[in-house]
PDB file of N, CA and C in Angstrom:
ATOM      1  N   MET A   1      14.027  -6.826  -5.825  1.00  0.00           N
ATOM      2  CA  MET A   1      15.310  -7.172  -5.272  1.00  0.00           C
ATOM      3  C   MET A   1      15.425  -8.678  -5.079  1.00  0.00           C
ATOM      4  N   ARG A   2      14.345  -9.285  -4.612  1.00  0.00           N
ATOM      5  CA  ARG A   2      14.375 -10.743  -4.439  1.00  0.00           C
ATOM      6  C   ARG A   2      14.516 -11.457  -5.782  1.00  0.00           C
ATOM      7  N   SER A   3      13.909 -10.887  -6.812  1.00  0.00           N
ATOM      8  CA  SER A   3      14.024 -11.526  -8.133  1.00  0.00           C
ATOM      9  C   SER A   3      15.458 -11.436  -8.637  1.00  0.00           C
ATOM     10  N   ARG A   4      16.166 -10.362  -8.313  1.00  0.00           N
ATOM     11  CA  ARG A   4      17.585 -10.253  -8.701  1.00  0.00           C
ATOM     12  C   ARG A   4      18.410 -11.327  -7.987  1.00  0.00           C
ATOM     13  N   PHE A   5      18.143 -11.524  -6.688  1.00  0.00           N
ATOM     14  CA  PHE A   5      18.851 -12.553  -5.934  1.00  0.00           C
ATOM     15  C   PHE A   5      18.595 -13.934  -6.548  1.00  0.00           C
ATOM     16  N   THR A   6      17.335 -14.217  -6.851  1.00  0.00           N
ATOM     17  CA  THR A   6      16.988 -15.504  -7.456  1.00  0.00           C
ATOM     18  C   THR A   6      17.698 -15.681  -8.795  1.00  0.00           C
ATOM     19  N   ALA A   7      17.755 -14.615  -9.573  1.00  0.00           N
ATOM     20  CA  ALA A   7      18.444 -14.691 -10.866  1.00  0.00           C
ATOM     21  C   ALA A   7      19.932 -14.984 -10.677  1.00  0.00           C
ATOM     22  N   TYR A   8      20.550 -14.396  -9.656  1.00  0.00           N
ATOM     23  CA  TYR A   8      21.953 -14.723  -9.373  1.00  0.00           C
ATOM     24  C   TYR A   8      22.085 -16.193  -8.974  1.00  0.00           C
ATOM     25  N   CYS A   9      21.139 -16.707  -8.200  1.00  0.00           N
ATOM     26  CA  CYS A   9      21.158 -18.126  -7.804  1.00  0.00           C
ATOM     27  C   CYS A   9      21.065 -19.037  -9.027  1.00  0.00           C
ATOM     28  N   LEU A  10      20.284 -18.606 -10.022  1.00  0.00           N
ATOM     29  CA  LEU A  10      20.043 -19.404 -11.231  1.00  0.00           C
ATOM     30  C   LEU A  10      20.999 -19.075 -12.373  1.00  0.00           C
ATOM     31  N   ASN A  11      21.928 -18.156 -12.122  1.00  0.00           N
ATOM     32  CA  ASN A  11      22.867 -17.703 -13.161  1.00  0.00           C
ATOM     33  C   ASN A  11      22.147 -17.151 -14.389  1.00  0.00           C
ATOM     34  N   ASP A  12      21.058 -16.448 -14.172  1.00  0.00           N
ATOM     35  CA  ASP A  12      20.273 -15.848 -15.255  1.00  0.00           C
ATOM     36  C   ASP A  12      20.761 -14.417 -15.480  1.00  0.00           C
ATOM     37  N   TYR A  13      21.897 -14.279 -16.151  1.00  0.00           N
ATOM     38  CA  TYR A  13      22.543 -12.984 -16.304  1.00  0.00           C
ATOM     39  C   TYR A  13      21.799 -12.058 -17.269  1.00  0.00           C
ATOM     40  N   ASP A  14      21.055 -12.609 -18.195  1.00  0.00           N
ATOM     41  CA  ASP A  14      20.222 -11.777 -19.062  1.00  0.00           C
ATOM     42  C   ASP A  14      19.180 -11.033 -18.223  1.00  0.00           C
ATOM     43  N   TYR A  15      18.513 -11.748 -17.338  1.00  0.00           N
ATOM     44  CA  TYR A  15      17.518 -11.116 -16.471  1.00  0.00           C
ATOM     45  C   TYR A  15      18.175 -10.069 -15.569  1.00  0.00           C
ATOM     46  N   ILE A  16      19.307 -10.420 -14.975  1.00  0.00           N
ATOM     47  CA  ILE A  16      19.994  -9.480 -14.093  1.00  0.00           C
ATOM     48  C   ILE A  16      20.325  -8.200 -14.849  1.00  0.00           C
ATOM     49  N   LEU A  17      20.836  -8.334 -16.038  1.00  0.00           N
ATOM     50  CA  LEU A  17      21.164  -7.160 -16.852  1.00  0.00           C
ATOM     51  C   LEU A  17      19.930  -6.295 -17.081  1.00  0.00           C
ATOM     52  N   GLN A  18      18.791  -6.912 -17.322  1.00  0.00           N
ATOM     53  CA  GLN A  18      17.558  -6.165 -17.578  1.00  0.00           C
ATOM     54  C   GLN A  18      17.034  -5.453 -16.336  1.00  0.00           C
ATOM     55  N   THR A  19      17.488  -5.862 -15.136  1.00  0.00           N
ATOM     56  CA  THR A  19      17.021  -5.210 -13.910  1.00  0.00           C
ATOM     57  C   THR A  19      17.829  -3.969 -13.556  1.00  0.00           C
ATOM     58  N   TYR A  20      18.908  -3.722 -14.270  1.00  0.00           N
ATOM     59  CA  TYR A  20      19.691  -2.500 -14.062  1.00  0.00           C
ATOM     60  C   TYR A  20      19.004  -1.325 -14.742  1.00  0.00           C
ATOM     61  N   CYS A  21      19.191  -0.119 -14.197  1.00  0.00           N
ATOM     62  CA  CYS A  21      18.662   1.079 -14.847  1.00  0.00           C
ATOM     63  C   CYS A  21      19.388   1.276 -16.176  1.00  0.00           C
ATOM     64  N   TYR A  22      18.787   2.051 -17.033  1.00  0.00           N
ATOM     65  CA  TYR A  22      19.286   2.228 -18.396  1.00  0.00           C
ATOM     66  C   TYR A  22      20.757   2.651 -18.418  1.00  0.00           C
ATOM     67  N   SER A  23      21.132   3.633 -17.619  1.00  0.00           N
ATOM     68  CA  SER A  23      22.514   4.126 -17.660  1.00  0.00           C
ATOM     69  C   SER A  23      23.518   3.046 -17.261  1.00  0.00           C
ATOM     70  N   LYS A  24      23.192   2.216 -16.300  1.00  0.00           N
ATOM     71  CA  LYS A  24      24.093   1.137 -15.877  1.00  0.00           C
ATOM     72  C   LYS A  24      24.137   0.015 -16.909  1.00  0.00           C
ATOM     73  N   ARG A  25      22.999  -0.253 -17.558  1.00  0.00           N
ATOM     74  CA  ARG A  25      22.950  -1.313 -18.577  1.00  0.00           C
ATOM     75  C   ARG A  25      23.902  -1.015 -19.731  1.00  0.00           C
ATOM     76  N   GLN A  26      24.136   0.251 -20.004  1.00  0.00           N
ATOM     77  CA  GLN A  26      25.027   0.625 -21.103  1.00  0.00           C
ATOM     78  C   GLN A  26      26.473   0.268 -20.800  1.00  0.00           C
ATOM     79  N   GLU A  27      26.807   0.143 -19.519  1.00  0.00           N
ATOM     80  CA  GLU A  27      28.175  -0.145 -19.096  1.00  0.00           C
ATOM     81  C   GLU A  27      28.437  -1.639 -18.889  1.00  0.00           C
ATOM     82  N   LEU A  28      27.385  -2.460 -18.900  1.00  0.00           N
ATOM     83  CA  LEU A  28      27.507  -3.875 -18.534  1.00  0.00           C
ATOM     84  C   LEU A  28      27.147  -4.793 -19.687  1.00  0.00           C
ATOM     85  N   THR A  29      27.601  -6.029 -19.577  1.00  0.00           N
ATOM     86  CA  THR A  29      27.186  -7.098 -20.483  1.00  0.00           C
ATOM     87  C   THR A  29      26.910  -8.336 -19.638  1.00  0.00           C
ATOM     88  N   GLU A  30      26.243  -9.314 -20.236  1.00  0.00           N
ATOM     89  CA  GLU A  30      26.014 -10.576 -19.528  1.00  0.00           C
ATOM     90  C   GLU A  30      27.343 -11.222 -19.153  1.00  0.00           C
ATOM     91  N   ASN A  31      28.344 -11.142 -20.031  1.00  0.00           N
ATOM     92  CA  ASN A  31      29.644 -11.753 -19.741  1.00  0.00           C
ATOM     93  C   ASN A  31      30.333 -11.094 -18.558  1.00  0.00           C
ATOM     94  N   VAL A  32      30.239  -9.775 -18.443  1.00  0.00           N
ATOM     95  CA  VAL A  32      30.830  -9.074 -17.305  1.00  0.00           C
ATOM     96  C   VAL A  32      30.169  -9.544 -16.009  1.00  0.00           C
ATOM     97  N   LEU A  33      28.839  -9.659 -16.023  1.00  0.00           N
ATOM     98  CA  LEU A  33      28.117 -10.139 -14.838  1.00  0.00           C
ATOM     99  C   LEU A  33      28.499 -11.573 -14.510  1.00  0.00           C
ATOM    100  N   ARG A  34      28.592 -12.410 -15.532  1.00  0.00           N
ATOM    101  CA  ARG A  34      28.955 -13.820 -15.341  1.00  0.00           C
ATOM    102  C   ARG A  34      30.349 -13.931 -14.730  1.00  0.00           C
ATOM    103  N   GLU A  35      31.298 -13.171 -15.242  1.00  0.00           N
ATOM    104  CA  GLU A  35      32.670 -13.218 -14.740  1.00  0.00           C
ATOM    105  C   GLU A  35      32.756 -12.718 -13.301  1.00  0.00           C
ATOM    106  N   SER A  36      31.970 -11.700 -12.965  1.00  0.00           N
ATOM    107  CA  SER A  36      32.019 -11.160 -11.599  1.00  0.00           C
ATOM    108  C   SER A  36      31.439 -12.140 -10.582  1.00  0.00           C
ATOM    109  N   ALA A  37      30.598 -13.057 -11.030  1.00  0.00           N
ATOM    110  CA  ALA A  37      29.972 -14.018 -10.125  1.00  0.00           C
ATOM    111  C   ALA A  37      30.596 -15.411 -10.226  1.00  0.00           C
ATOM    112  N   ALA A  38      31.660 -15.550 -11.003  1.00  0.00           N
ATOM    113  CA  ALA A  38      32.287 -16.866 -11.198  1.00  0.00           C
ATOM    114  C   ALA A  38      32.742 -17.447  -9.861  1.00  0.00           C
ATOM    115  N   GLY A  39      32.390 -18.702  -9.629  1.00  0.00           N
ATOM    116  CA  GLY A  39      32.813 -19.398  -8.426  1.00  0.00           C
ATOM    117  C   GLY A  39      31.986 -19.104  -7.185  1.00  0.00           C
ATOM    118  N   ILE A  40      30.920 -18.324  -7.343  1.00  0.00           N
ATOM    119  CA  ILE A  40      30.077 -17.950  -6.204  1.00  0.00           C
ATOM    120  C   ILE A  40      28.725 -18.643  -6.310  1.00  0.00           C
ATOM    121  N   THR A  41      28.286 -19.227  -5.205  1.00  0.00           N
ATOM    122  CA  THR A  41      26.963 -19.843  -5.120  1.00  0.00           C
ATOM    123  C   THR A  41      26.193 -19.132  -4.022  1.00  0.00           C
ATOM    124  N   TRP A  42      25.131 -18.433  -4.404  1.00  0.00           N
ATOM    125  CA  TRP A  42      24.303 -17.697  -3.447  1.00  0.00           C
ATOM    126  C   TRP A  42      23.336 -18.665  -2.782  1.00  0.00           C
ATOM    127  N   PHE A  43      23.105 -18.489  -1.448  1.00  0.00           N
ATOM    128  CA  PHE A  43      22.223 -19.457  -0.784  1.00  0.00           C
ATOM    129  C   PHE A  43      21.213 -18.858   0.184  1.00  0.00           C
ATOM    130  N   ALA A  44      21.348 -17.613   0.593  1.00  0.00           N
ATOM    131  CA  ALA A  44      20.370 -17.051   1.533  1.00  0.00           C
ATOM    132  C   ALA A  44      20.302 -15.539   1.372  1.00  0.00           C
ATOM    133  N   LEU A  45      19.096 -15.008   1.542  1.00  0.00           N
ATOM    134  CA  LEU A  45      18.864 -13.571   1.438  1.00  0.00           C
ATOM    135  C   LEU A  45      18.037 -13.123   2.627  1.00  0.00           C
ATOM    136  N   ASN A  46      18.514 -12.095   3.310  1.00  0.00           N
ATOM    137  CA  ASN A  46      17.766 -11.479   4.405  1.00  0.00           C
ATOM    138  C   ASN A  46      17.579 -10.015   4.056  1.00  0.00           C
ATOM    139  N   ALA A  47      16.343  -9.639   3.729  1.00  0.00           N
ATOM    140  CA  ALA A  47      16.041  -8.244   3.416  1.00  0.00           C
ATOM    141  C   ALA A  47      15.723  -7.499   4.699  1.00  0.00           C
ATOM    142  N   ILE A  48      16.192  -6.258   4.770  1.00  0.00           N
ATOM    143  CA  ILE A  48      15.983  -5.418   5.942  1.00  0.00           C
ATOM    144  C   ILE A  48      15.170  -4.219   5.499  1.00  0.00           C
ATOM    145  N   SER A  49      14.073  -3.969   6.137  1.00  0.00           N
ATOM    146  CA  SER A  49      13.190  -2.855   5.776  1.00  0.00           C
ATOM    147  C   SER A  49      13.829  -1.525   6.149  1.00  0.00           C
ATOM    148  N   LEU A  50      13.661  -0.548   5.277  1.00  0.00           N
ATOM    149  CA  LEU A  50      14.122   0.806   5.559  1.00  0.00           C
ATOM    150  C   LEU A  50      12.914   1.733   5.534  1.00  0.00           C
ATOM    151  N   PRO A  51      12.250   1.933   6.674  1.00  0.00           N
ATOM    152  CA  PRO A  51      11.045   2.763   6.702  1.00  0.00           C
ATOM    153  C   PRO A  51      11.311   4.162   6.148  1.00  0.00           C
ATOM    154  N   GLY A  52      10.408   4.616   5.286  1.00  0.00           N
ATOM    155  CA  GLY A  52      10.492   5.955   4.728  1.00  0.00           C
ATOM    156  C   GLY A  52      11.483   6.105   3.594  1.00  0.00           C
ATOM    157  N   GLN A  53      12.130   5.034   3.193  1.00  0.00           N
ATOM    158  CA  GLN A  53      13.108   5.094   2.108  1.00  0.00           C
ATOM    159  C   GLN A  53      12.737   4.077   1.041  1.00  0.00           C
ATOM    160  N   GLU A  54      11.581   4.237   0.438  1.00  0.00           N
ATOM    161  CA  GLU A  54      11.042   3.238  -0.481  1.00  0.00           C
ATOM    162  C   GLU A  54      11.980   2.814  -1.609  1.00  0.00           C
ATOM    163  N   PRO A  55      12.709   3.745  -2.253  1.00  0.00           N
ATOM    164  CA  PRO A  55      13.575   3.265  -3.328  1.00  0.00           C
ATOM    165  C   PRO A  55      14.868   2.627  -2.840  1.00  0.00           C
ATOM    166  N   ALA A  56      15.053   2.508  -1.522  1.00  0.00           N
ATOM    167  CA  ALA A  56      16.260   1.894  -0.967  1.00  0.00           C
ATOM    168  C   ALA A  56      15.905   0.582  -0.281  1.00  0.00           C
ATOM    169  N   VAL A  57      16.762  -0.415  -0.471  1.00  0.00           N
ATOM    170  CA  VAL A  57      16.574  -1.717   0.161  1.00  0.00           C
ATOM    171  C   VAL A  57      17.910  -2.140   0.763  1.00  0.00           C
ATOM    172  N   GLU A  58      17.888  -2.456   2.045  1.00  0.00           N
ATOM    173  CA  GLU A  58      19.078  -2.988   2.702  1.00  0.00           C
ATOM    174  C   GLU A  58      18.916  -4.492   2.811  1.00  0.00           C
ATOM    175  N   PHE A  59      19.979  -5.217   2.517  1.00  0.00           N
ATOM    176  CA  PHE A  59      19.899  -6.680   2.567  1.00  0.00           C
ATOM    177  C   PHE A  59      21.254  -7.270   2.904  1.00  0.00           C
ATOM    178  N   SER A  60      21.215  -8.518   3.330  1.00  0.00           N
ATOM    179  CA  SER A  60      22.405  -9.348   3.483  1.00  0.00           C
ATOM    180  C   SER A  60      22.178 -10.588   2.633  1.00  0.00           C
ATOM    181  N   ALA A  61      23.071 -10.833   1.693  1.00  0.00           N
ATOM    182  CA  ALA A  61      22.998 -12.013   0.836  1.00  0.00           C
ATOM    183  C   ALA A  61      24.212 -12.884   1.143  1.00  0.00           C
ATOM    184  N   PHE A  62      23.965 -14.147   1.402  1.00  0.00           N
ATOM    185  CA  PHE A  62      25.016 -15.068   1.813  1.00  0.00           C
ATOM    186  C   PHE A  62      25.397 -15.969   0.640  1.00  0.00           C
ATOM    187  N   TYR A  63      26.690 -16.297   0.581  1.00  0.00           N
ATOM    188  CA  TYR A  63      27.185 -17.079  -0.550  1.00  0.00           C
ATOM    189  C   TYR A  63      28.314 -18.006  -0.116  1.00  0.00           C
ATOM    190  N   PHE A  64      28.543 -19.001  -0.955  1.00  0.00           N
ATOM    191  CA  PHE A  64      29.699 -19.872  -0.827  1.00  0.00           C
ATOM    192  C   PHE A  64      30.666 -19.511  -1.951  1.00  0.00           C
ATOM    193  N   GLU A  65      31.916 -19.402  -1.614  1.00  0.00           N
ATOM    194  CA  GLU A  65      32.972 -19.300  -2.618  1.00  0.00           C
ATOM    195  C   GLU A  65      33.957 -20.396  -2.265  1.00  0.00           C
ATOM    196  N   GLY A  66      33.896 -21.471  -3.015  1.00  0.00           N
ATOM    197  CA  GLY A  66      34.592 -22.679  -2.614  1.00  0.00           C
ATOM    198  C   GLY A  66      33.909 -23.202  -1.366  1.00  0.00           C
ATOM    199  N   LYS A  67      34.665 -23.453  -0.318  1.00  0.00           N
ATOM    200  CA  LYS A  67      34.073 -23.913   0.942  1.00  0.00           C
ATOM    201  C   LYS A  67      33.992 -22.797   1.976  1.00  0.00           C
ATOM    202  N   ARG A  68      34.245 -21.573   1.539  1.00  0.00           N
ATOM    203  CA  ARG A  68      34.170 -20.419   2.437  1.00  0.00           C
ATOM    204  C   ARG A  68      32.784 -19.779   2.324  1.00  0.00           C
ATOM    205  N   VAL A  69      32.328 -19.212   3.438  1.00  0.00           N
ATOM    206  CA  VAL A  69      31.036 -18.536   3.490  1.00  0.00           C
ATOM    207  C   VAL A  69      31.278 -17.037   3.528  1.00  0.00           C
ATOM    208  N   GLY A  70      30.509 -16.316   2.721  1.00  0.00           N
ATOM    209  CA  GLY A  70      30.630 -14.868   2.716  1.00  0.00           C
ATOM    210  C   GLY A  70      29.265 -14.208   2.789  1.00  0.00           C
ATOM    211  N   VAL A  71      29.284 -12.908   3.054  1.00  0.00           N
ATOM    212  CA  VAL A  71      28.055 -12.121   3.088  1.00  0.00           C
ATOM    213  C   VAL A  71      28.286 -10.832   2.316  1.00  0.00           C
ATOM    214  N   LEU A  72      27.296 -10.453   1.545  1.00  0.00           N
ATOM    215  CA  LEU A  72      27.255  -9.148   0.904  1.00  0.00           C
ATOM    216  C   LEU A  72      26.161  -8.364   1.612  1.00  0.00           C
ATOM    217  N   HIS A  73      26.558  -7.370   2.391  1.00  0.00           N
ATOM    218  CA  HIS A  73      25.610  -6.519   3.102  1.00  0.00           C
ATOM    219  C   HIS A  73      25.604  -5.193   2.355  1.00  0.00           C
ATOM    220  N   GLU A  74      24.455  -4.864   1.759  1.00  0.00           N
ATOM    221  CA  GLU A  74      24.379  -3.712   0.867  1.00  0.00           C
ATOM    222  C   GLU A  74      23.082  -2.951   1.077  1.00  0.00           C
ATOM    223  N   THR A  75      23.139  -1.656   0.835  1.00  0.00           N
ATOM    224  CA  THR A  75      21.939  -0.845   0.691  1.00  0.00           C
ATOM    225  C   THR A  75      21.860  -0.466  -0.778  1.00  0.00           C
ATOM    226  N   SER A  76      20.823  -0.942  -1.442  1.00  0.00           N
ATOM    227  CA  SER A  76      20.650  -0.724  -2.874  1.00  0.00           C
ATOM    228  C   SER A  76      19.645   0.388  -3.118  1.00  0.00           C
ATOM    229  N   LEU A  77      19.915   1.180  -4.131  1.00  0.00           N
ATOM    230  CA  LEU A  77      18.996   2.228  -4.544  1.00  0.00           C
ATOM    231  C   LEU A  77      18.381   1.855  -5.882  1.00  0.00           C
ATOM    232  N   PHE A  78      17.074   2.051  -5.988  1.00  0.00           N
ATOM    233  CA  PHE A  78      16.327   1.727  -7.196  1.00  0.00           C
ATOM    234  C   PHE A  78      15.669   2.985  -7.738  1.00  0.00           C
ATOM    235  N   VAL A  79      15.461   3.020  -9.045  1.00  0.00           N
ATOM    236  CA  VAL A  79      14.734   4.112  -9.703  1.00  0.00           C
ATOM    237  C   VAL A  79      13.644   3.493 -10.566  1.00  0.00           C
ATOM    238  N   GLN A  80      12.592   4.263 -10.799  1.00  0.00           N
ATOM    239  CA  GLN A  80      11.523   3.776 -11.674  1.00  0.00           C
ATOM    240  C   GLN A  80      11.790   4.211 -13.103  1.00  0.00           C
ATOM    241  N   GLU A  81      11.723   3.256 -14.007  1.00  0.00           N
ATOM    242  CA  GLU A  81      11.815   3.508 -15.436  1.00  0.00           C
ATOM    243  C   GLU A  81      10.638   2.798 -16.088  1.00  0.00           C
ATOM    244  N   ALA A  82       9.795   3.557 -16.764  1.00  0.00           N
ATOM    245  CA  ALA A  82       8.594   3.003 -17.399  1.00  0.00           C
ATOM    246  C   ALA A  82       7.777   2.198 -16.389  1.00  0.00           C
ATOM    247  N   SER A  83       7.597   2.753 -15.200  1.00  0.00           N
ATOM    248  CA  SER A  83       6.799   2.159 -14.114  1.00  0.00           C
ATOM    249  C   SER A  83       7.376   0.864 -13.552  1.00  0.00           C
ATOM    250  N   VAL A  84       8.646   0.590 -13.814  1.00  0.00           N
ATOM    251  CA  VAL A  84       9.300  -0.615 -13.311  1.00  0.00           C
ATOM    252  C   VAL A  84      10.514  -0.186 -12.488  1.00  0.00           C
ATOM    253  N   TRP A  85      10.664  -0.785 -11.294  1.00  0.00           N
ATOM    254  CA  TRP A  85      11.817  -0.473 -10.454  1.00  0.00           C
ATOM    255  C   TRP A  85      13.063  -1.138 -11.018  1.00  0.00           C
ATOM    256  N   LYS A  86      14.125  -0.346 -11.168  1.00  0.00           N
ATOM    257  CA  LYS A  86      15.397  -0.831 -11.702  1.00  0.00           C
ATOM    258  C   LYS A  86      16.510  -0.492 -10.723  1.00  0.00           C
ATOM    259  N   TYR A  87      17.498  -1.392 -10.630  1.00  0.00           N
ATOM    260  CA  TYR A  87      18.650  -1.196  -9.751  1.00  0.00           C
ATOM    261  C   TYR A  87      19.517  -0.075 -10.303  1.00  0.00           C
ATOM    262  N   GLN A  88      19.854   0.888  -9.432  1.00  0.00           N
ATOM    263  CA  GLN A  88      20.688   2.006  -9.865  1.00  0.00           C
ATOM    264  C   GLN A  88      22.110   1.889  -9.317  1.00  0.00           C
ATOM    265  N   THR A  89      22.209   1.752  -8.004  1.00  0.00           N
ATOM    266  CA  THR A  89      23.524   1.674  -7.379  1.00  0.00           C
ATOM    267  C   THR A  89      23.380   1.076  -5.985  1.00  0.00           C
ATOM    268  N   GLY A  90      24.495   0.758  -5.377  1.00  0.00           N
ATOM    269  CA  GLY A  90      24.450   0.204  -4.032  1.00  0.00           C
ATOM    270  C   GLY A  90      25.654   0.620  -3.223  1.00  0.00           C
ATOM    271  N   THR A  91      25.476   0.660  -1.918  1.00  0.00           N
ATOM    272  CA  THR A  91      26.557   0.943  -0.988  1.00  0.00           C
ATOM    273  C   THR A  91      26.825  -0.334  -0.197  1.00  0.00           C
ATOM    274  N   ILE A  92      28.028  -0.839  -0.311  1.00  0.00           N
ATOM    275  CA  ILE A  92      28.393  -2.064   0.390  1.00  0.00           C
ATOM    276  C   ILE A  92      28.853  -1.693   1.797  1.00  0.00           C
ATOM    277  N   HIS A  93      28.274  -2.370   2.790  1.00  0.00           N
ATOM    278  CA  HIS A  93      28.601  -2.110   4.190  1.00  0.00           C
ATOM    279  C   HIS A  93      29.928  -2.772   4.561  1.00  0.00           C
ATOM    280  N   GLN A  94      30.563  -2.236   5.590  1.00  0.00           N
ATOM    281  CA  GLN A  94      31.893  -2.708   5.994  1.00  0.00           C
ATOM    282  C   GLN A  94      31.910  -4.132   6.533  1.00  0.00           C
ATOM    283  N   ASP A  95      30.768  -4.649   6.959  1.00  0.00           N
ATOM    284  CA  ASP A  95      30.751  -6.010   7.495  1.00  0.00           C
ATOM    285  C   ASP A  95      30.591  -7.071   6.404  1.00  0.00           C
ATOM    286  N   SER A  96      30.694  -6.675   5.141  1.00  0.00           N
ATOM    287  CA  SER A  96      30.664  -7.630   4.026  1.00  0.00           C
ATOM    288  C   SER A  96      32.002  -8.367   3.969  1.00  0.00           C
ATOM    289  N   GLY A  97      31.960  -9.579   3.456  1.00  0.00           N
ATOM    290  CA  GLY A  97      33.186 -10.366   3.303  1.00  0.00           C
ATOM    291  C   GLY A  97      32.994 -11.769   3.843  1.00  0.00           C
ATOM    292  N   PHE A  98      34.091 -12.459   4.046  1.00  0.00           N
ATOM    293  CA  PHE A  98      34.025 -13.837   4.520  1.00  0.00           C
ATOM    294  C   PHE A  98      33.703 -13.888   6.004  1.00  0.00           C
ATOM    295  N   LEU A  99      32.940 -14.928   6.371  1.00  0.00           N
ATOM    296  CA  LEU A  99      32.477 -15.121   7.742  1.00  0.00           C
ATOM    297  C   LEU A  99      33.031 -16.411   8.314  1.00  0.00           C
ATOM    298  N   LYS A 100      33.046 -16.473   9.631  1.00  0.00           N
ATOM    299  CA  LYS A 100      33.340 -17.734  10.320  1.00  0.00           C
ATOM    300  C   LYS A 100      32.038 -18.189  10.941  1.00  0.00           C
ATOM    301  N   ILE A 101      31.410 -19.168  10.311  1.00  0.00           N
ATOM    302  CA  ILE A 101      30.169 -19.735  10.842  1.00  0.00           C
ATOM    303  C   ILE A 101      30.485 -21.155  11.267  1.00  0.00           C
ATOM    304  N   GLY A 102      30.306 -21.435  12.537  1.00  0.00           N
ATOM    305  CA  GLY A 102      30.536 -22.780  13.040  1.00  0.00           C
ATOM    306  C   GLY A 102      29.420 -23.718  12.611  1.00  0.00           C
ATOM    307  N   ARG A 103      29.742 -24.989  12.526  1.00  0.00           N
ATOM    308  CA  ARG A 103      28.755 -25.986  12.092  1.00  0.00           C
ATOM    309  C   ARG A 103      27.519 -25.979  12.987  1.00  0.00           C
ATOM    310  N   ASN A 104      27.694 -25.653  14.265  1.00  0.00           N
ATOM    311  CA  ASN A 104      26.577 -25.672  15.206  1.00  0.00           C
ATOM    312  C   ASN A 104      25.925 -24.302  15.403  1.00  0.00           C
ATOM    313  N   ASP A 105      26.416 -23.286  14.682  1.00  0.00           N
ATOM    314  CA  ASP A 105      25.793 -21.959  14.752  1.00  0.00           C
ATOM    315  C   ASP A 105      24.474 -21.970  13.979  1.00  0.00           C
ATOM    316  N   GLN A 106      23.630 -21.001  14.279  1.00  0.00           N
ATOM    317  CA  GLN A 106      22.370 -20.861  13.544  1.00  0.00           C
ATOM    318  C   GLN A 106      22.680 -20.551  12.086  1.00  0.00           C
ATOM    319  N   CYS A 107      21.892 -21.111  11.194  1.00  0.00           N
ATOM    320  CA  CYS A 107      22.085 -20.887   9.761  1.00  0.00           C
ATOM    321  C   CYS A 107      21.713 -19.441   9.419  1.00  0.00           C
ATOM    322  N   PRO A 108      22.503 -18.789   8.579  1.00  0.00           N
ATOM    323  CA  PRO A 108      22.193 -17.403   8.220  1.00  0.00           C
ATOM    324  C   PRO A 108      20.898 -17.237   7.425  1.00  0.00           C
ATOM    325  N   CYS A 109      20.343 -18.317   6.913  1.00  0.00           N
ATOM    326  CA  CYS A 109      19.084 -18.217   6.168  1.00  0.00           C
ATOM    327  C   CYS A 109      17.891 -18.036   7.099  1.00  0.00           C
ATOM    328  N   LYS A 110      18.150 -18.083   8.398  1.00  0.00           N
ATOM    329  CA  LYS A 110      17.130 -17.879   9.436  1.00  0.00           C
ATOM    330  C   LYS A 110      16.066 -18.983   9.478  1.00  0.00           C
ATOM    331  N   SER A 111      16.468 -20.187   9.113  1.00  0.00           N
ATOM    332  CA  SER A 111      15.555 -21.324   9.166  1.00  0.00           C
ATOM    333  C   SER A 111      15.312 -21.788  10.599  1.00  0.00           C
ATOM    334  N   GLY A 112      16.198 -21.400  11.514  1.00  0.00           N
ATOM    335  CA  GLY A 112      16.120 -21.879  12.890  1.00  0.00           C
ATOM    336  C   GLY A 112      16.927 -23.149  13.100  1.00  0.00           C
ATOM    337  N   LYS A 113      17.495 -23.690  12.025  1.00  0.00           N
ATOM    338  CA  LYS A 113      18.305 -24.903  12.115  1.00  0.00           C
ATOM    339  C   LYS A 113      19.773 -24.530  12.291  1.00  0.00           C
ATOM    340  N   LYS A 114      20.548 -25.521  12.734  1.00  0.00           N
ATOM    341  CA  LYS A 114      21.986 -25.346  12.774  1.00  0.00           C
ATOM    342  C   LYS A 114      22.502 -25.307  11.330  1.00  0.00           C
ATOM    343  N   PHE A 115      23.589 -24.574  11.133  1.00  0.00           N
ATOM    344  CA  PHE A 115      24.175 -24.419   9.813  1.00  0.00           C
ATOM    345  C   PHE A 115      24.484 -25.773   9.175  1.00  0.00           C
ATOM    346  N   LYS A 116      25.027 -26.727   9.984  1.00  0.00           N
ATOM    347  CA  LYS A 116      25.401 -28.039   9.436  1.00  0.00           C
ATOM    348  C   LYS A 116      24.186 -28.844   8.979  1.00  0.00           C
ATOM    349  N   GLN A 117      23.012 -28.555   9.531  1.00  0.00           N
ATOM    350  CA  GLN A 117      21.798 -29.288   9.151  1.00  0.00           C
ATOM    351  C   GLN A 117      20.988 -28.544   8.093  1.00  0.00           C
ATOM    352  N   CYS A 118      21.491 -27.426   7.635  1.00  0.00           N
ATOM    353  CA  CYS A 118      20.725 -26.600   6.709  1.00  0.00           C
ATOM    354  C   CYS A 118      21.571 -26.291   5.463  1.00  0.00           C
ATOM    355  N   CYS A 119      21.976 -25.061   5.306  1.00  0.00           N
ATOM    356  CA  CYS A 119      22.632 -24.617   4.076  1.00  0.00           C
ATOM    357  C   CYS A 119      24.037 -25.167   3.872  1.00  0.00           C
ATOM    358  N   LEU A 120      24.735 -25.557   4.942  1.00  0.00           N
ATOM    359  CA  LEU A 120      26.068 -26.142   4.778  1.00  0.00           C
ATOM    360  C   LEU A 120      26.002 -27.385   3.888  1.00  0.00           C
ATOM    361  N   ARG A 121      24.895 -28.088   3.917  1.00  0.00           N
ATOM    362  CA  ARG A 121      24.720 -29.290   3.096  1.00  0.00           C
ATOM    363  C   ARG A 121      24.793 -28.995   1.598  1.00  0.00           C
ATOM    364  N   LYS A 122      24.583 -27.740   1.235  1.00  0.00           N
ATOM    365  CA  LYS A 122      24.598 -27.365  -0.188  1.00  0.00           C
ATOM    366  C   LYS A 122      25.985 -27.430  -0.777  1.00  0.00           C
ATOM    367  N   ILE A 123      27.024 -27.388   0.067  1.00  0.00           N
ATOM    368  CA  ILE A 123      28.387 -27.501  -0.470  1.00  0.00           C
ATOM    369  C   ILE A 123      29.080 -28.781  -0.032  1.00  0.00           C
ATOM    370  N   ALA A 124      28.468 -29.509   0.870  1.00  0.00           N
ATOM    371  CA  ALA A 124      29.109 -30.723   1.404  1.00  0.00           C
ATOM    372  C   ALA A 124      29.124 -31.835   0.374  1.00  0.00           C
TER     373      ALA A 124
END
C-alpha cells in the first residue's frame, strides 16, 4: 500500500496499474489513472492497522489540489495473485474531501511540526 502511495507521488502510473488485481487491470489504463490524478499532489500517508483483517488496510492520504488540502480516507481490500498482494477495491469513508487546516495546526503528516513549517511549504 505504501508503494502505491509513493507511485502516486512520483506519477508512476505504470507501476500503479501493475498493483491492481487482474480483473481491475482489464478496466484501466495508465492514461485513465493519470487523468484521475491530474492536478493532485500527494504529500502524507497515515496507515491505520486493522487487527485480524490482513487483506484490508485503512489509511488517510493527504493531498494538495491547487492550494486546497484534501484527505482520502479509505479502507482498501487486497487479494493475492501469484503470491503478490494486489489492490482489489476500496471503500471511501465519509470524512474524505477538502479540509480546513490552519497554518498553526499540527501537520497531517504527523511530523509534530506546525503545518506552515512542514508540508504547507510544498505548495508555497
